[in-house]
Protein backbone atom coordinates (compact mmCIF):
# COMPACT_ATOMS: atom_id res chain seq x y z
CA MET A 1 0.00 0.00 0.00
CA GLY A 2 2.82 2.31 0.55
CA ARG A 3 3.73 2.46 -3.05
CA LYS A 4 0.30 3.55 -4.24
CA TYR A 5 0.29 6.33 -1.69
CA VAL A 6 3.67 7.51 -2.93
CA LYS A 7 2.43 7.51 -6.51
CA MET A 8 -0.58 9.61 -5.59
CA ILE A 9 1.63 12.18 -3.96
CA ASP A 10 3.90 12.22 -6.97
CA THR A 11 0.90 12.65 -9.33
CA ARG A 12 -0.42 15.58 -7.31
CA LEU A 13 2.98 17.23 -7.25
CA MET A 14 3.33 16.71 -10.98
CA ALA A 15 -0.13 18.15 -11.62
CA GLU A 16 0.65 21.25 -9.58
CA ALA A 17 4.02 21.67 -11.24
CA GLY A 18 2.41 21.31 -14.67
CA LYS A 19 -0.31 23.82 -13.81
CA GLN A 20 2.28 26.35 -12.67
CA SER A 21 4.32 25.99 -15.85
CA TYR A 22 1.16 26.22 -17.97
CA GLU A 23 0.19 29.46 -16.21
CA LYS A 24 3.54 30.90 -17.26
CA PHE A 25 2.60 30.30 -20.90
CA MET A 26 -0.86 31.79 -20.44
CA LYS A 27 0.54 35.01 -19.00
CA ALA A 28 3.36 35.32 -21.54
CA ASP A 29 3.07 37.68 -24.53
CA ARG A 30 2.34 36.07 -27.82
CA PRO A 31 5.45 35.90 -30.03
CA GLY A 32 5.24 37.70 -33.33
CA LEU A 33 7.32 39.19 -36.10
CA ARG A 34 8.50 42.67 -35.31
CA SER A 35 8.67 43.51 -39.03
CA HIS A 36 4.91 42.98 -39.49
CA ASN A 37 2.02 44.60 -37.69
CA ARG A 38 -0.73 42.35 -36.47
CA MET A 39 -3.69 42.00 -38.78
CA PRO A 40 -6.78 43.85 -37.51
CA GLN A 41 -9.45 41.56 -36.16
CA ILE A 42 -12.00 42.66 -38.79
CA ASN A 43 -9.64 41.51 -41.56
CA ARG A 44 -9.01 38.21 -39.85
CA ALA A 45 -12.73 37.61 -39.71
CA ALA A 46 -13.01 38.32 -43.44
CA GLN A 47 -10.90 35.26 -44.18
CA PHE A 48 -13.78 33.11 -43.00
CA ALA A 49 -16.55 34.95 -44.85
CA PRO A 50 -18.94 32.86 -46.97
CA PHE A 51 -17.43 31.89 -50.28
CA ALA A 52 -19.43 31.82 -53.50
CA ALA A 53 -17.57 29.54 -55.87
CA LEU A 54 -19.79 30.54 -58.78
CA SER A 55 -19.94 34.28 -58.20
CA GLY A 56 -21.43 36.10 -61.16
CA LEU A 57 -23.35 33.06 -62.38
CA GLU A 58 -26.70 34.63 -61.50
CA ASP A 59 -25.74 37.81 -63.38
CA ALA A 60 -24.74 35.73 -66.40
CA PHE A 61 -28.13 33.99 -66.40
CA GLN A 62 -29.95 37.32 -66.18
CA GLU A 63 -27.83 38.70 -69.04
CA GLU A 64 -28.66 35.68 -71.18
CA GLU A 65 -32.38 36.04 -70.51
CA ARG A 66 -32.42 39.74 -71.42
CA ASP A 67 -34.08 40.30 -74.79
CA THR A 68 -32.64 42.40 -77.57
CA GLU A 69 -33.93 43.01 -81.05
CA GLU A 70 -32.25 43.44 -84.39
CA GLU A 71 -32.00 46.86 -85.99
CA LYS A 72 -34.54 47.23 -88.77
CA MET A 73 -33.31 48.25 -92.19
CA LEU A 74 -35.20 51.36 -93.32
CA SER A 75 -36.64 51.61 -96.80
CA ASP A 76 -35.72 54.38 -99.20
CA GLU A 77 -39.13 55.98 -98.62
CA VAL A 78 -38.52 56.18 -94.86
CA TRP A 79 -35.02 57.62 -95.43
CA SER A 80 -36.39 60.33 -97.73
CA GLU A 81 -39.15 61.13 -95.19
CA LEU A 82 -36.55 61.45 -92.41
CA ASN A 83 -34.42 63.68 -94.62
CA TYR A 84 -37.41 65.87 -95.45
CA THR A 85 -38.36 66.19 -91.76
CA LEU A 86 -34.78 67.12 -90.80
CA GLN A 87 -34.61 69.76 -93.53
CA ALA A 88 -37.91 71.23 -92.34
CA LEU A 89 -36.68 71.33 -88.73
CA LEU A 90 -33.42 73.01 -89.76
CA SER A 91 -35.27 75.72 -91.70
CA GLU A 92 -37.61 76.55 -88.77
CA ASP A 93 -36.98 79.47 -86.48
CA GLY A 94 -36.57 78.70 -82.80
CA GLN A 95 -36.25 75.30 -81.22
CA PRO A 96 -39.25 73.10 -82.06
CA MET A 97 -40.16 70.17 -79.81
CA VAL A 98 -39.56 66.77 -81.41
CA LYS A 99 -39.95 63.11 -80.54
CA VAL A 100 -37.19 60.88 -81.91
CA THR A 101 -37.23 57.09 -82.11
CA TYR A 102 -33.79 55.55 -82.48
CA PHE A 103 -31.94 52.27 -82.15
CA GLN A 104 -29.43 51.89 -79.31
CA PRO A 105 -27.04 48.97 -79.82
CA ASP A 106 -26.39 46.69 -76.86
CA VAL A 107 -22.79 46.70 -75.62
CA ALA A 108 -22.89 43.10 -74.35
CA LYS A 109 -25.00 41.22 -76.91
CA ASP A 110 -25.96 41.32 -80.55
CA GLY A 111 -28.87 43.62 -81.30
CA GLY A 112 -30.17 46.37 -79.05
CA ILE A 113 -33.36 48.25 -78.19
CA TYR A 114 -35.42 51.00 -79.73
CA LYS A 115 -35.73 54.08 -77.54
CA GLU A 116 -37.89 57.15 -77.80
CA VAL A 117 -36.76 60.56 -76.54
CA SER A 118 -38.38 63.98 -76.66
CA GLY A 119 -36.81 67.40 -76.42
CA LYS A 120 -36.07 70.68 -78.14
CA PHE A 121 -34.39 70.27 -81.50
CA LEU A 122 -31.05 72.11 -81.37
CA GLY A 123 -29.53 71.13 -84.70
CA VAL A 124 -27.53 68.61 -86.71
CA ASP A 125 -23.77 68.10 -86.55
CA ARG A 126 -23.05 67.06 -90.13
CA PHE A 127 -19.39 66.24 -89.43
CA ASN A 128 -20.21 63.73 -86.65
CA ARG A 129 -23.59 62.88 -88.21
CA GLU A 130 -25.47 63.53 -84.95
CA LEU A 131 -28.79 65.12 -84.10
CA SER A 132 -28.69 67.18 -80.91
CA LEU A 133 -31.58 67.73 -78.51
CA SER A 134 -31.91 69.73 -75.33
CA GLY A 135 -30.48 68.16 -72.21
CA GLY A 136 -27.24 67.08 -73.89
CA VAL A 137 -28.83 64.30 -75.94
CA TYR A 138 -26.93 63.35 -79.11
CA ILE A 139 -28.26 60.70 -81.49
CA TYR A 140 -26.44 59.27 -84.52
CA LEU A 141 -28.40 60.06 -87.67
CA ASP A 142 -27.89 56.50 -88.95
CA ARG A 143 -29.69 55.10 -85.85
CA ILE A 144 -32.83 57.25 -86.16
CA SER A 145 -35.95 55.45 -87.34
CA ALA A 146 -38.55 58.22 -86.85
CA ILE A 147 -38.74 61.94 -86.11
CA LYS A 148 -42.00 63.68 -85.31
CA LYS A 149 -42.56 67.32 -84.56
CA VAL A 150 -44.61 67.73 -81.39
CA GLU A 151 -46.95 70.72 -81.24
CA LYS A 152 -47.65 70.56 -77.52
CA SER A 153 -44.98 71.28 -74.95
CA ILE A 154 -43.56 68.17 -73.32
CA ASP A 155 -42.61 68.05 -69.65
CA LEU A 156 -38.93 67.14 -69.44
């Protein structure tokens, strides 16, 4: 029986000695590189943020589903009517109100959309082949499909 008692005393002494040495480590400063500052805690947390392996996939699906239409080729009659309307607008005094329908090409896909804009007719830049409206709107003449003079004032 004496031996077991001695072992128990030894185990207790070893446990206390181990606890004391462990407390030394707990109270000690954490070692680190002096050449690097510690990373802020907010940045450390960002390492474990949720990860989306297929990021952008949803945007790609939405882009694929978006509809565009082809630009319609205008007949010679429509071109001559547009030319006549432009000449009439250029010869008018003042700044008449117009409604312009034009094709805007899509930057990401083939085709585009037809848009309609209204404003005061300011003139035509023949060098750049652009029609200019109030509000800084410039439309390429080759993209215009219809121009109508509007008699009533339009709220812009």
